Amino acid sequence: DAGFGKKDDIIALMNDPNSFDANLHLGLMLRQDEDYAGALAYLQRAAAVRPSDLATKYQIALVMLATGKVDEARNELAALVKAAPRFTRCRCYVA
């Protein structure tokens, strides 16, 4: 649910640590707050719960870029372009 707040997400994770939505939302909030280590942990957990979600993998790549892990980010983005050639946001980073 897009209306989740940080407190709601934490409660959801206490009840279900594998909640995709709660992990994703916390990861996105932490990325926005520039807490990249925290963001990466929650986004990677979300990606582990739902490995087919390419948007989550894209967010992970953005965190990697923000933390200077350029080669890792490019590898992730290249894999996304291969998996979803029309995912145009990734192409600009790989080119």
N, C-alpha and C. Protein backbone atom coordinates (compact mmCIF):
# COMPACT_ATOMS: atom_id res chain seq x y z
N ASP A 1 0.85 -1.18 0.00
CA ASP A 1 0.00 0.00 0.00
C ASP A 1 0.89 1.23 0.00
N ALA A 2 0.66 2.15 -0.92
CA ALA A 2 1.49 3.33 -1.07
C ALA A 2 1.36 4.27 0.13
N GLY A 3 0.35 4.11 0.96
CA GLY A 3 0.15 4.98 2.09
C GLY A 3 0.92 4.58 3.34
N PHE A 4 1.73 3.54 3.26
CA PHE A 4 2.50 3.11 4.42
C PHE A 4 3.41 4.24 4.88
N GLY A 5 3.60 4.32 6.18
CA GLY A 5 4.59 5.23 6.76
C GLY A 5 5.69 4.38 7.36
N LYS A 6 6.76 5.03 7.79
CA LYS A 6 7.91 4.29 8.32
C LYS A 6 7.48 3.41 9.50
N LYS A 7 6.67 3.96 10.41
CA LYS A 7 6.22 3.20 11.57
C LYS A 7 5.40 1.98 11.14
N ASP A 8 4.51 2.18 10.19
CA ASP A 8 3.69 1.07 9.69
C ASP A 8 4.55 -0.02 9.05
N ASP A 9 5.57 0.40 8.32
CA ASP A 9 6.47 -0.57 7.68
C ASP A 9 7.25 -1.37 8.71
N ILE A 10 7.71 -0.70 9.75
CA ILE A 10 8.45 -1.39 10.80
C ILE A 10 7.56 -2.42 11.50
N ILE A 11 6.33 -2.03 11.78
CA ILE A 11 5.38 -2.97 12.40
C ILE A 11 5.12 -4.14 11.46
N ALA A 12 4.95 -3.85 10.17
CA ALA A 12 4.71 -4.92 9.19
C ALA A 12 5.89 -5.88 9.15
N LEU A 13 7.12 -5.35 9.23
CA LEU A 13 8.30 -6.22 9.21
C LEU A 13 8.44 -7.03 10.49
N MET A 14 7.99 -6.49 11.61
CA MET A 14 8.01 -7.25 12.86
C MET A 14 7.09 -8.45 12.74
N ASN A 15 5.97 -8.26 12.06
CA ASN A 15 5.01 -9.35 11.86
C ASN A 15 5.42 -10.28 10.74
N ASP A 16 6.08 -9.74 9.71
CA ASP A 16 6.49 -10.54 8.56
C ASP A 16 7.75 -9.94 7.96
N PRO A 17 8.92 -10.43 8.38
CA PRO A 17 10.18 -9.87 7.86
C PRO A 17 10.32 -10.00 6.35
N ASN A 18 9.52 -10.84 5.74
CA ASN A 18 9.57 -11.04 4.29
C ASN A 18 8.52 -10.23 3.54
N SER A 19 7.96 -9.23 4.17
CA SER A 19 6.98 -8.38 3.50
C SER A 19 7.68 -7.57 2.40
N PHE A 20 7.35 -7.87 1.16
CA PHE A 20 7.95 -7.15 0.04
C PHE A 20 7.65 -5.66 0.13
N ASP A 21 6.38 -5.33 0.33
CA ASP A 21 5.98 -3.92 0.36
C ASP A 21 6.68 -3.14 1.46
N ALA A 22 6.73 -3.70 2.66
CA ALA A 22 7.36 -3.00 3.78
C ALA A 22 8.86 -2.82 3.54
N ASN A 23 9.54 -3.85 3.07
CA ASN A 23 10.97 -3.74 2.77
C ASN A 23 11.22 -2.71 1.68
N LEU A 24 10.41 -2.75 0.63
CA LEU A 24 10.57 -1.80 -0.47
C LEU A 24 10.33 -0.37 0.01
N HIS A 25 9.24 -0.14 0.71
CA HIS A 25 8.92 1.22 1.15
C HIS A 25 9.98 1.78 2.09
N LEU A 26 10.45 0.96 3.04
CA LEU A 26 11.51 1.43 3.93
C LEU A 26 12.78 1.72 3.16
N GLY A 27 13.11 0.86 2.22
CA GLY A 27 14.29 1.09 1.40
C GLY A 27 14.21 2.39 0.62
N LEU A 28 13.05 2.66 0.05
CA LEU A 28 12.87 3.89 -0.72
C LEU A 28 12.92 5.12 0.18
N MET A 29 12.31 5.03 1.37
CA MET A 29 12.35 6.16 2.30
C MET A 29 13.77 6.44 2.76
N LEU A 30 14.51 5.38 3.06
CA LEU A 30 15.89 5.56 3.51
C LEU A 30 16.78 6.09 2.40
N ARG A 31 16.53 5.66 1.17
CA ARG A 31 17.30 6.21 0.03
C ARG A 31 17.04 7.69 -0.10
N GLN A 32 15.79 8.07 0.04
CA GLN A 32 15.43 9.49 -0.06
C GLN A 32 16.10 10.30 1.06
N ASP A 33 16.25 9.67 2.24
CA ASP A 33 16.91 10.32 3.38
C ASP A 33 18.44 10.22 3.29
N GLU A 34 18.94 9.64 2.21
CA GLU A 34 20.37 9.43 1.97
C GLU A 34 21.02 8.51 2.99
N ASP A 35 20.23 7.61 3.56
CA ASP A 35 20.77 6.54 4.41
C ASP A 35 20.95 5.34 3.49
N TYR A 36 22.03 5.36 2.73
CA TYR A 36 22.22 4.38 1.67
C TYR A 36 22.48 2.98 2.18
N ALA A 37 23.18 2.85 3.29
CA ALA A 37 23.42 1.51 3.85
C ALA A 37 22.11 0.87 4.28
N GLY A 38 21.28 1.63 4.96
CA GLY A 38 19.98 1.11 5.37
C GLY A 38 19.09 0.82 4.18
N ALA A 39 19.09 1.74 3.22
CA ALA A 39 18.28 1.56 2.02
C ALA A 39 18.67 0.28 1.29
N LEU A 40 19.97 0.08 1.13
CA LEU A 40 20.44 -1.09 0.40
C LEU A 40 20.00 -2.38 1.08
N ALA A 41 20.07 -2.41 2.39
CA ALA A 41 19.68 -3.62 3.13
C ALA A 41 18.20 -3.96 2.88
N TYR A 42 17.34 -2.96 2.99
CA TYR A 42 15.90 -3.22 2.79
C TYR A 42 15.57 -3.51 1.33
N LEU A 43 16.21 -2.81 0.42
CA LEU A 43 15.94 -3.05 -1.00
C LEU A 43 16.43 -4.44 -1.42
N GLN A 44 17.57 -4.85 -0.91
CA GLN A 44 18.06 -6.19 -1.24
C GLN A 44 17.13 -7.26 -0.66
N ARG A 45 16.58 -7.00 0.52
CA ARG A 45 15.63 -7.95 1.11
C ARG A 45 14.38 -8.03 0.25
N ALA A 46 13.89 -6.88 -0.21
CA ALA A 46 12.72 -6.86 -1.09
C ALA A 46 13.01 -7.64 -2.37
N ALA A 47 14.21 -7.45 -2.93
CA ALA A 47 14.58 -8.15 -4.16
C ALA A 47 14.70 -9.65 -3.93
N ALA A 48 15.12 -10.05 -2.74
CA ALA A 48 15.21 -11.48 -2.42
C ALA A 48 13.82 -12.09 -2.30
N VAL A 49 12.89 -11.32 -1.77
CA VAL A 49 11.51 -11.80 -1.61
C VAL A 49 10.82 -11.89 -2.97
N ARG A 50 11.09 -10.92 -3.84
CA ARG A 50 10.45 -10.90 -5.16
C ARG A 50 11.52 -10.64 -6.23
N PRO A 51 12.28 -11.68 -6.57
CA PRO A 51 13.41 -11.50 -7.50
C PRO A 51 13.02 -11.06 -8.91
N SER A 52 11.78 -11.21 -9.27
CA SER A 52 11.35 -10.81 -10.62
C SER A 52 11.01 -9.33 -10.71
N ASP A 53 11.05 -8.60 -9.60
CA ASP A 53 10.69 -7.19 -9.61
C ASP A 53 11.88 -6.35 -10.08
N LEU A 54 11.84 -5.94 -11.32
CA LEU A 54 12.96 -5.20 -11.91
C LEU A 54 13.08 -3.79 -11.36
N ALA A 55 11.97 -3.19 -10.97
CA ALA A 55 12.01 -1.83 -10.42
C ALA A 55 12.81 -1.80 -9.12
N THR A 56 12.71 -2.84 -8.32
CA THR A 56 13.48 -2.90 -7.08
C THR A 56 14.97 -3.02 -7.39
N LYS A 57 15.30 -3.83 -8.37
CA LYS A 57 16.71 -3.97 -8.77
C LYS A 57 17.26 -2.64 -9.31
N TYR A 58 16.41 -1.89 -9.98
CA TYR A 58 16.80 -0.57 -10.47
C TYR A 58 17.12 0.36 -9.29
N GLN A 59 16.29 0.30 -8.26
CA GLN A 59 16.52 1.12 -7.07
C GLN A 59 17.84 0.73 -6.39
N ILE A 60 18.12 -0.55 -6.35
CA ILE A 60 19.40 -1.02 -5.79
C ILE A 60 20.57 -0.43 -6.58
N ALA A 61 20.45 -0.43 -7.89
CA ALA A 61 21.51 0.12 -8.73
C ALA A 61 21.69 1.62 -8.46
N LEU A 62 20.60 2.34 -8.24
CA LEU A 62 20.70 3.77 -7.94
C LEU A 62 21.43 4.00 -6.62
N VAL A 63 21.16 3.15 -5.62
CA VAL A 63 21.88 3.26 -4.35
C VAL A 63 23.36 2.98 -4.57
N MET A 64 23.66 1.98 -5.37
CA MET A 64 25.06 1.67 -5.66
C MET A 64 25.76 2.86 -6.32
N LEU A 65 25.08 3.50 -7.26
CA LEU A 65 25.65 4.69 -7.90
C LEU A 65 25.89 5.79 -6.88
N ALA A 66 24.94 6.00 -6.00
CA ALA A 66 25.04 7.06 -5.00
C ALA A 66 26.18 6.83 -4.02
N THR A 67 26.56 5.58 -3.85
CA THR A 67 27.64 5.26 -2.91
C THR A 67 28.97 5.01 -3.61
N GLY A 68 29.03 5.31 -4.90
CA GLY A 68 30.29 5.19 -5.63
C GLY A 68 30.61 3.80 -6.13
N LYS A 69 29.67 2.88 -6.03
CA LYS A 69 29.89 1.51 -6.52
C LYS A 69 29.47 1.44 -7.99
N VAL A 70 30.20 2.18 -8.80
CA VAL A 70 29.82 2.38 -10.20
C VAL A 70 29.86 1.08 -10.99
N ASP A 71 30.90 0.29 -10.84
CA ASP A 71 31.01 -0.95 -11.61
C ASP A 71 29.88 -1.92 -11.24
N GLU A 72 29.59 -2.05 -9.94
CA GLU A 72 28.50 -2.93 -9.50
C GLU A 72 27.16 -2.43 -10.04
N ALA A 73 26.97 -1.12 -10.01
CA ALA A 73 25.73 -0.54 -10.51
C ALA A 73 25.58 -0.80 -12.01
N ARG A 74 26.65 -0.60 -12.75
CA ARG A 74 26.58 -0.84 -14.21
C ARG A 74 26.27 -2.30 -14.51
N ASN A 75 26.86 -3.22 -13.75
CA ASN A 75 26.56 -4.64 -13.96
C ASN A 75 25.08 -4.92 -13.70
N GLU A 76 24.55 -4.35 -12.63
CA GLU A 76 23.13 -4.53 -12.30
C GLU A 76 22.25 -3.94 -13.40
N LEU A 77 22.60 -2.74 -13.85
CA LEU A 77 21.81 -2.08 -14.89
C LEU A 77 21.91 -2.82 -16.22
N ALA A 78 23.08 -3.34 -16.55
CA ALA A 78 23.24 -4.12 -17.79
C ALA A 78 22.37 -5.36 -17.74
N ALA A 79 22.30 -6.01 -16.58
CA ALA A 79 21.44 -7.19 -16.44
C ALA A 79 19.97 -6.80 -16.59
N LEU A 80 19.61 -5.63 -16.09
CA LEU A 80 18.23 -5.16 -16.24
C LEU A 80 17.89 -4.88 -17.70
N VAL A 81 18.82 -4.26 -18.42
CA VAL A 81 18.60 -3.98 -19.84
C VAL A 81 18.43 -5.28 -20.60
N LYS A 82 19.23 -6.27 -20.26
CA LYS A 82 19.13 -7.58 -20.92
C LYS A 82 17.79 -8.24 -20.60
N ALA A 83 17.35 -8.15 -19.35
CA ALA A 83 16.08 -8.78 -18.94
C ALA A 83 14.87 -8.01 -19.46
N ALA A 84 15.01 -6.70 -19.59
CA ALA A 84 13.88 -5.86 -20.02
C ALA A 84 14.41 -4.77 -20.95
N PRO A 85 14.60 -5.11 -22.23
CA PRO A 85 15.20 -4.16 -23.17
C PRO A 85 14.46 -2.82 -23.28
N ARG A 86 13.20 -2.80 -22.92
CA ARG A 86 12.44 -1.55 -23.02
C ARG A 86 12.48 -0.72 -21.74
N PHE A 87 13.21 -1.16 -20.76
CA PHE A 87 13.37 -0.42 -19.50
C PHE A 87 14.37 0.70 -19.78
N THR A 88 13.89 1.78 -20.37
CA THR A 88 14.75 2.82 -20.93
C THR A 88 15.56 3.57 -19.88
N ARG A 89 15.11 3.66 -18.66
CA ARG A 89 15.87 4.37 -17.63
C ARG A 89 17.24 3.74 -17.42
N CYS A 90 17.32 2.44 -17.60
CA CYS A 90 18.60 1.74 -17.39
C CYS A 90 19.58 2.01 -18.50
N ARG A 91 19.08 2.17 -19.70
CA ARG A 91 19.95 2.30 -20.87
C ARG A 91 20.90 3.49 -20.76
N CYS A 92 20.42 4.60 -20.21
CA CYS A 92 21.28 5.78 -20.15
C CYS A 92 22.47 5.59 -19.23
N TYR A 93 22.35 4.73 -18.25
CA TYR A 93 23.46 4.47 -17.33
C TYR A 93 24.46 3.47 -17.92
N VAL A 94 23.99 2.60 -18.78
CA VAL A 94 24.83 1.55 -19.34
C VAL A 94 25.58 2.03 -20.56
N ALA A 95 24.98 2.94 -21.30
CA ALA A 95 25.57 3.42 -22.56
C ALA A 95 26.93 4.05 -22.38
